[in-house]
Amino acid sequence: MTIREQIISDLNELSNQKLLYQILEFIKILKKNVTAKKGNREDVLQFAGILTDEEASAIQNDIGEEFSKIEGDW
C-alpha cells in the first residue's frame, strides 16, 4: 500500500467531522508552504546583464584575490 493509499484509507475510517476539518486545514497549510517555495529564479534574472564585462571581471578578480587565501592558523 502506498503512502497516499494509507492516508486515504485512514481518512475513510474517520467519522469525527471536527477532526476531518482540522486535517483539511493542515493540508491547506502544507500546500500553501509547498507552492510558496517556487524559488527566486525570476528575481535573480532581473539583474542579468546589468554589469559590463569589465565590471564583472573586476568583481571576479577581487573575489579570487580576497577569498583564495586562508588567514591565521589552520
PDB file of N, CA and C in Angstrom:
ATOM      1  N   MET A   1       0.859  -1.178   0.000  1.00  0.00           N
ATOM      2  CA  MET A   1       0.000   0.000   0.000  1.00  0.00           C
ATOM      3  C   MET A   1       0.903   1.239   0.000  1.00  0.00           C
ATOM      4  N   THR A   2       0.614   2.178  -0.889  1.00  0.00           N
ATOM      5  CA  THR A   2       1.400   3.405  -0.940  1.00  0.00           C
ATOM      6  C   THR A   2       1.031   4.327   0.214  1.00  0.00           C
ATOM      7  N   ILE A   3       1.837   5.335   0.421  1.00  0.00           N
ATOM      8  CA  ILE A   3       1.551   6.312   1.479  1.00  0.00           C
ATOM      9  C   ILE A   3       0.215   6.999   1.200  1.00  0.00           C
ATOM     10  N   ARG A   4      -0.004   7.377  -0.057  1.00  0.00           N
ATOM     11  CA  ARG A   4      -1.262   8.031  -0.435  1.00  0.00           C
ATOM     12  C   ARG A   4      -2.455   7.130  -0.123  1.00  0.00           C
ATOM     13  N   GLU A   5      -2.331   5.866  -0.479  1.00  0.00           N
ATOM     14  CA  GLU A   5      -3.421   4.911  -0.217  1.00  0.00           C
ATOM     15  C   GLU A   5      -3.658   4.737   1.280  1.00  0.00           C
ATOM     16  N   GLN A   6      -2.566   4.726   2.056  1.00  0.00           N
ATOM     17  CA  GLN A   6      -2.698   4.584   3.507  1.00  0.00           C
ATOM     18  C   GLN A   6      -3.400   5.805   4.102  1.00  0.00           C
ATOM     19  N   ILE A   7      -3.023   6.987   3.635  1.00  0.00           N
ATOM     20  CA  ILE A   7      -3.659   8.216   4.131  1.00  0.00           C
ATOM     21  C   ILE A   7      -5.147   8.215   3.807  1.00  0.00           C
ATOM     22  N   ILE A   8      -5.479   7.870   2.583  1.00  0.00           N
ATOM     23  CA  ILE A   8      -6.885   7.838   2.173  1.00  0.00           C
ATOM     24  C   ILE A   8      -7.653   6.799   2.988  1.00  0.00           C
ATOM     25  N   SER A   9      -7.034   5.653   3.201  1.00  0.00           N
ATOM     26  CA  SER A   9      -7.685   4.605   3.994  1.00  0.00           C
ATOM     27  C   SER A   9      -7.940   5.092   5.420  1.00  0.00           C
ATOM     28  N   ASP A  10      -6.941   5.734   6.007  1.00  0.00           N
ATOM     29  CA  ASP A  10      -7.105   6.256   7.368  1.00  0.00           C
ATOM     30  C   ASP A  10      -8.175   7.337   7.419  1.00  0.00           C
ATOM     31  N   LEU A  11      -8.200   8.205   6.421  1.00  0.00           N
ATOM     32  CA  LEU A  11      -9.225   9.253   6.382  1.00  0.00           C
ATOM     33  C   LEU A  11     -10.623   8.667   6.244  1.00  0.00           C
ATOM     34  N   ASN A  12     -10.747   7.630   5.452  1.00  0.00           N
ATOM     35  CA  ASN A  12     -12.047   6.990   5.263  1.00  0.00           C
ATOM     36  C   ASN A  12     -12.580   6.355   6.544  1.00  0.00           C
ATOM     37  N   GLU A  13     -11.693   6.030   7.454  1.00  0.00           N
ATOM     38  CA  GLU A  13     -12.108   5.425   8.718  1.00  0.00           C
ATOM     39  C   GLU A  13     -12.559   6.463   9.741  1.00  0.00           C
ATOM     40  N   LEU A  14     -12.229   7.712   9.502  1.00  0.00           N
ATOM     41  CA  LEU A  14     -12.586   8.767  10.452  1.00  0.00           C
ATOM     42  C   LEU A  14     -14.026   9.224  10.230  1.00  0.00           C
ATOM     43  N   SER A  15     -14.719   9.436  11.331  1.00  0.00           N
ATOM     44  CA  SER A  15     -16.082   9.956  11.224  1.00  0.00           C
ATOM     45  C   SER A  15     -16.245  11.287  11.956  1.00  0.00           C
ATOM     46  N   ASN A  16     -15.258  11.650  12.741  1.00  0.00           N
ATOM     47  CA  ASN A  16     -15.302  12.878  13.517  1.00  0.00           C
ATOM     48  C   ASN A  16     -15.107  14.076  12.575  1.00  0.00           C
ATOM     49  N   GLN A  17     -16.163  14.841  12.363  1.00  0.00           N
ATOM     50  CA  GLN A  17     -16.112  15.963  11.425  1.00  0.00           C
ATOM     51  C   GLN A  17     -15.129  17.052  11.862  1.00  0.00           C
ATOM     52  N   LYS A  18     -15.033  17.253  13.153  1.00  0.00           N
ATOM     53  CA  LYS A  18     -14.111  18.267  13.658  1.00  0.00           C
ATOM     54  C   LYS A  18     -12.660  17.879  13.339  1.00  0.00           C
ATOM     55  N   LEU A  19     -12.353  16.621  13.535  1.00  0.00           N
ATOM     56  CA  LEU A  19     -11.016  16.124  13.234  1.00  0.00           C
ATOM     57  C   LEU A  19     -10.731  16.201  11.729  1.00  0.00           C
ATOM     58  N   LEU A  20     -11.714  15.826  10.919  1.00  0.00           N
ATOM     59  CA  LEU A  20     -11.548  15.916   9.468  1.00  0.00           C
ATOM     60  C   LEU A  20     -11.323  17.361   9.023  1.00  0.00           C
ATOM     61  N   TYR A  21     -12.014  18.304   9.644  1.00  0.00           N
ATOM     62  CA  TYR A  21     -11.826  19.712   9.324  1.00  0.00           C
ATOM     63  C   TYR A  21     -10.405  20.156   9.687  1.00  0.00           C
ATOM     64  N   GLN A  22      -9.905  19.707  10.839  1.00  0.00           N
ATOM     65  CA  GLN A  22      -8.547  20.052  11.240  1.00  0.00           C
ATOM     66  C   GLN A  22      -7.520  19.496  10.251  1.00  0.00           C
ATOM     67  N   ILE A  23      -7.761  18.296   9.792  1.00  0.00           N
ATOM     68  CA  ILE A  23      -6.871  17.684   8.803  1.00  0.00           C
ATOM     69  C   ILE A  23      -6.910  18.485   7.507  1.00  0.00           C
ATOM     70  N   LEU A  24      -8.091  18.891   7.094  1.00  0.00           N
ATOM     71  CA  LEU A  24      -8.229  19.698   5.887  1.00  0.00           C
ATOM     72  C   LEU A  24      -7.452  21.007   6.016  1.00  0.00           C
ATOM     73  N   GLU A  25      -7.571  21.678   7.146  1.00  0.00           N
ATOM     74  CA  GLU A  25      -6.848  22.930   7.368  1.00  0.00           C
ATOM     75  C   GLU A  25      -5.334  22.696   7.348  1.00  0.00           C
ATOM     76  N   PHE A  26      -4.900  21.589   7.926  1.00  0.00           N
ATOM     77  CA  PHE A  26      -3.483  21.251   7.927  1.00  0.00           C
ATOM     78  C   PHE A  26      -2.986  21.027   6.503  1.00  0.00           C
ATOM     79  N   ILE A  27      -3.759  20.323   5.695  1.00  0.00           N
ATOM     80  CA  ILE A  27      -3.391  20.074   4.301  1.00  0.00           C
ATOM     81  C   ILE A  27      -3.288  21.394   3.537  1.00  0.00           C
ATOM     82  N   LYS A  28      -4.209  22.314   3.789  1.00  0.00           N
ATOM     83  CA  LYS A  28      -4.158  23.622   3.128  1.00  0.00           C
ATOM     84  C   LYS A  28      -2.870  24.360   3.470  1.00  0.00           C
ATOM     85  N   ILE A  29      -2.470  24.298   4.729  1.00  0.00           N
ATOM     86  CA  ILE A  29      -1.229  24.951   5.158  1.00  0.00           C
ATOM     87  C   ILE A  29      -0.027  24.311   4.463  1.00  0.00           C
ATOM     88  N   LEU A  30      -0.019  22.989   4.413  1.00  0.00           N
ATOM     89  CA  LEU A  30       1.080  22.296   3.750  1.00  0.00           C
ATOM     90  C   LEU A  30       1.174  22.668   2.281  1.00  0.00           C
ATOM     91  N   LYS A  31       0.036  22.692   1.605  1.00  0.00           N
ATOM     92  CA  LYS A  31       0.022  23.033   0.185  1.00  0.00           C
ATOM     93  C   LYS A  31       0.503  24.462  -0.042  1.00  0.00           C
ATOM     94  N   LYS A  32       0.094  25.362   0.822  1.00  0.00           N
ATOM     95  CA  LYS A  32       0.497  26.755   0.694  1.00  0.00           C
ATOM     96  C   LYS A  32       2.008  26.884   0.843  1.00  0.00           C
ATOM     97  N   ASN A  33       2.587  26.172   1.806  1.00  0.00           N
ATOM     98  CA  ASN A  33       4.024  26.229   2.032  1.00  0.00           C
ATOM     99  C   ASN A  33       4.815  25.612   0.887  1.00  0.00           C
ATOM    100  N   VAL A  34       4.286  24.570   0.308  1.00  0.00           N
ATOM    101  CA  VAL A  34       4.987  23.912  -0.797  1.00  0.00           C
ATOM    102  C   VAL A  34       4.984  24.797  -2.029  1.00  0.00           C
ATOM    103  N   THR A  35       3.862  25.392  -2.359  1.00  0.00           N
ATOM    104  CA  THR A  35       3.788  26.226  -3.554  1.00  0.00           C
ATOM    105  C   THR A  35       4.466  27.565  -3.351  1.00  0.00           C
ATOM    106  N   ALA A  36       4.619  28.021  -2.122  1.00  0.00           N
ATOM    107  CA  ALA A  36       5.261  29.308  -1.867  1.00  0.00           C
ATOM    108  C   ALA A  36       6.759  29.242  -2.126  1.00  0.00           C
ATOM    109  N   LYS A  37       7.351  28.068  -2.074  1.00  0.00           N
ATOM    110  CA  LYS A  37       8.787  27.920  -2.250  1.00  0.00           C
ATOM    111  C   LYS A  37       9.124  27.560  -3.684  1.00  0.00           C
ATOM    112  N   LYS A  38       8.764  28.441  -4.587  1.00  0.00           N
ATOM    113  CA  LYS A  38       8.996  28.195  -6.005  1.00  0.00           C
ATOM    114  C   LYS A  38      10.394  28.575  -6.429  1.00  0.00           C
ATOM    115  N   GLY A  39      11.139  29.236  -5.565  1.00  0.00           N
ATOM    116  CA  GLY A  39      12.479  29.673  -5.910  1.00  0.00           C
ATOM    117  C   GLY A  39      12.500  31.148  -6.254  1.00  0.00           C
ATOM    118  N   ASN A  40      13.673  31.635  -6.561  1.00  0.00           N
ATOM    119  CA  ASN A  40      13.799  33.054  -6.852  1.00  0.00           C
ATOM    120  C   ASN A  40      14.450  33.300  -8.205  1.00  0.00           C
ATOM    121  N   ARG A  41      14.290  32.376  -9.111  1.00  0.00           N
ATOM    122  CA  ARG A  41      14.905  32.485 -10.427  1.00  0.00           C
ATOM    123  C   ARG A  41      14.547  33.796 -11.120  1.00  0.00           C
ATOM    124  N   GLU A  42      13.276  34.143 -11.147  1.00  0.00           N
ATOM    125  CA  GLU A  42      12.844  35.382 -11.813  1.00  0.00           C
ATOM    126  C   GLU A  42      13.419  36.609 -11.106  1.00  0.00           C
ATOM    127  N   ASP A  43      13.484  36.565  -9.779  1.00  0.00           N
ATOM    128  CA  ASP A  43      14.051  37.684  -9.035  1.00  0.00           C
ATOM    129  C   ASP A  43      15.520  37.890  -9.381  1.00  0.00           C
ATOM    130  N   VAL A  44      16.249  36.806  -9.516  1.00  0.00           N
ATOM    131  CA  VAL A  44      17.669  36.891  -9.833  1.00  0.00           C
ATOM    132  C   VAL A  44      17.875  37.318 -11.292  1.00  0.00           C
ATOM    133  N   LEU A  45      17.076  36.784 -12.183  1.00  0.00           N
ATOM    134  CA  LEU A  45      17.257  37.083 -13.603  1.00  0.00           C
ATOM    135  C   LEU A  45      17.015  38.552 -13.949  1.00  0.00           C
ATOM    136  N   GLN A  46      16.313  39.278 -13.103  1.00  0.00           N
ATOM    137  CA  GLN A  46      16.085  40.689 -13.392  1.00  0.00           C
ATOM    138  C   GLN A  46      17.397  41.481 -13.380  1.00  0.00           C
ATOM    139  N   PHE A  47      18.432  40.919 -12.758  1.00  0.00           N
ATOM    140  CA  PHE A  47      19.730  41.596 -12.697  1.00  0.00           C
ATOM    141  C   PHE A  47      20.683  41.149 -13.804  1.00  0.00           C
ATOM    142  N   ALA A  48      20.267  40.211 -14.610  1.00  0.00           N
ATOM    143  CA  ALA A  48      21.129  39.703 -15.677  1.00  0.00           C
ATOM    144  C   ALA A  48      21.476  40.820 -16.652  1.00  0.00           C
ATOM    145  N   GLY A  49      22.762  40.943 -16.937  1.00  0.00           N
ATOM    146  CA  GLY A  49      23.221  41.897 -17.941  1.00  0.00           C
ATOM    147  C   GLY A  49      23.433  43.318 -17.455  1.00  0.00           C
ATOM    148  N   ILE A  50      23.298  43.595 -16.164  1.00  0.00           N
ATOM    149  CA  ILE A  50      23.452  44.982 -15.725  1.00  0.00           C
ATOM    150  C   ILE A  50      24.917  45.364 -15.527  1.00  0.00           C
ATOM    151  N   LEU A  51      25.816  44.376 -15.408  1.00  0.00           N
ATOM    152  CA  LEU A  51      27.242  44.665 -15.286  1.00  0.00           C
ATOM    153  C   LEU A  51      27.899  44.594 -16.657  1.00  0.00           C
ATOM    154  N   THR A  52      28.857  45.462 -16.852  1.00  0.00           N
ATOM    155  CA  THR A  52      29.650  45.351 -18.085  1.00  0.00           C
ATOM    156  C   THR A  52      30.624  44.196 -17.903  1.00  0.00           C
ATOM    157  N   ASP A  53      31.239  43.757 -18.988  1.00  0.00           N
ATOM    158  CA  ASP A  53      32.227  42.679 -18.895  1.00  0.00           C
ATOM    159  C   ASP A  53      33.384  43.091 -17.994  1.00  0.00           C
ATOM    160  N   GLU A  54      33.786  44.355 -18.082  1.00  0.00           N
ATOM    161  CA  GLU A  54      34.892  44.850 -17.265  1.00  0.00           C
ATOM    162  C   GLU A  54      34.530  44.825 -15.777  1.00  0.00           C
ATOM    163  N   GLU A  55      33.320  45.250 -15.450  1.00  0.00           N
ATOM    164  CA  GLU A  55      32.879  45.237 -14.047  1.00  0.00           C
ATOM    165  C   GLU A  55      32.817  43.806 -13.509  1.00  0.00           C
ATOM    166  N   ALA A  56      32.281  42.910 -14.309  1.00  0.00           N
ATOM    167  CA  ALA A  56      32.172  41.512 -13.887  1.00  0.00           C
ATOM    168  C   ALA A  56      33.558  40.906 -13.690  1.00  0.00           C
ATOM    169  N   SER A  57      34.483  41.221 -14.583  1.00  0.00           N
ATOM    170  CA  SER A  57      35.844  40.716 -14.477  1.00  0.00           C
ATOM    171  C   SER A  57      36.521  41.250 -13.222  1.00  0.00           C
ATOM    172  N   ALA A  58      36.326  42.541 -12.921  1.00  0.00           N
ATOM    173  CA  ALA A  58      36.920  43.145 -11.728  1.00  0.00           C
ATOM    174  C   ALA A  58      36.376  42.480 -10.462  1.00  0.00           C
ATOM    175  N   ILE A  59      35.084  42.211 -10.436  1.00  0.00           N
ATOM    176  CA  ILE A  59      34.476  41.549  -9.271  1.00  0.00           C
ATOM    177  C   ILE A  59      35.034  40.141  -9.120  1.00  0.00           C
ATOM    178  N   GLN A  60      35.144  39.410 -10.213  1.00  0.00           N
ATOM    179  CA  GLN A  60      35.692  38.056 -10.148  1.00  0.00           C
ATOM    180  C   GLN A  60      37.134  38.076  -9.654  1.00  0.00           C
ATOM    181  N   ASN A  61      37.931  39.033 -10.128  1.00  0.00           N
ATOM    182  CA  ASN A  61      39.320  39.146  -9.672  1.00  0.00           C
ATOM    183  C   ASN A  61      39.383  39.456  -8.188  1.00  0.00           C
ATOM    184  N   ASP A  62      38.555  40.400  -7.723  1.00  0.00           N
ATOM    185  CA  ASP A  62      38.542  40.752  -6.300  1.00  0.00           C
ATOM    186  C   ASP A  62      38.166  39.555  -5.439  1.00  0.00           C
ATOM    187  N   ILE A  63      37.163  38.825  -5.855  1.00  0.00           N
ATOM    188  CA  ILE A  63      36.734  37.641  -5.100  1.00  0.00           C
ATOM    189  C   ILE A  63      37.850  36.603  -5.078  1.00  0.00           C
ATOM    190  N   GLY A  64      38.471  36.389  -6.230  1.00  0.00           N
ATOM    191  CA  GLY A  64      39.566  35.427  -6.304  1.00  0.00           C
ATOM    192  C   GLY A  64      40.726  35.803  -5.404  1.00  0.00           C
ATOM    193  N   GLU A  65      41.080  37.087  -5.384  1.00  0.00           N
ATOM    194  CA  GLU A  65      42.198  37.549  -4.562  1.00  0.00           C
ATOM    195  C   GLU A  65      41.859  37.503  -3.074  1.00  0.00           C
ATOM    196  N   GLU A  66      40.680  37.939  -2.715  1.00  0.00           N
ATOM    197  CA  GLU A  66      40.319  38.055  -1.303  1.00  0.00           C
ATOM    198  C   GLU A  66      39.956  36.727  -0.649  1.00  0.00           C
ATOM    199  N   PHE A  67      39.403  35.820  -1.407  1.00  0.00           N
ATOM    200  CA  PHE A  67      38.890  34.589  -0.808  1.00  0.00           C
ATOM    201  C   PHE A  67      39.682  33.339  -1.183  1.00  0.00           C
ATOM    202  N   SER A  68      40.825  33.510  -1.847  1.00  0.00           N
ATOM    203  CA  SER A  68      41.623  32.334  -2.202  1.00  0.00           C
ATOM    204  C   SER A  68      42.706  32.060  -1.175  1.00  0.00           C
ATOM    205  N   LYS A  69      42.807  32.901  -0.147  1.00  0.00           N
ATOM    206  CA  LYS A  69      43.827  32.748   0.882  1.00  0.00           C
ATOM    207  C   LYS A  69      43.165  32.426   2.212  1.00  0.00           C
ATOM    208  N   ILE A  70      43.853  31.609   2.998  1.00  0.00           N
ATOM    209  CA  ILE A  70      43.379  31.308   4.334  1.00  0.00           C
ATOM    210  C   ILE A  70      44.301  32.043   5.300  1.00  0.00           C
ATOM    211  N   GLU A  71      43.702  32.889   6.118  1.00  0.00           N
ATOM    212  CA  GLU A  71      44.479  33.652   7.082  1.00  0.00           C
ATOM    213  C   GLU A  71      44.442  32.970   8.440  1.00  0.00           C
ATOM    214  N   GLY A  72      45.512  33.118   9.181  1.00  0.00           N
ATOM    215  CA  GLY A  72      45.547  32.538  10.518  1.00  0.00           C
ATOM    216  C   GLY A  72      46.008  31.099  10.507  1.00  0.00           C
ATOM    217  N   ASP A  73      46.009  30.494  11.676  1.00  0.00           N
ATOM    218  CA  ASP A  73      46.449  29.103  11.834  1.00  0.00           C
ATOM    219  C   ASP A  73      45.295  28.146  11.578  1.00  0.00           C
ATOM    220  N   TRP A  74      45.551  27.153  10.739  1.00  0.00           N
ATOM    221  CA  TRP A  74      44.533  26.141  10.470  1.00  0.00           C
ATOM    222  C   TRP A  74      45.101  24.783  10.714  1.00  0.00           C
TER     223      TRP A  74
END
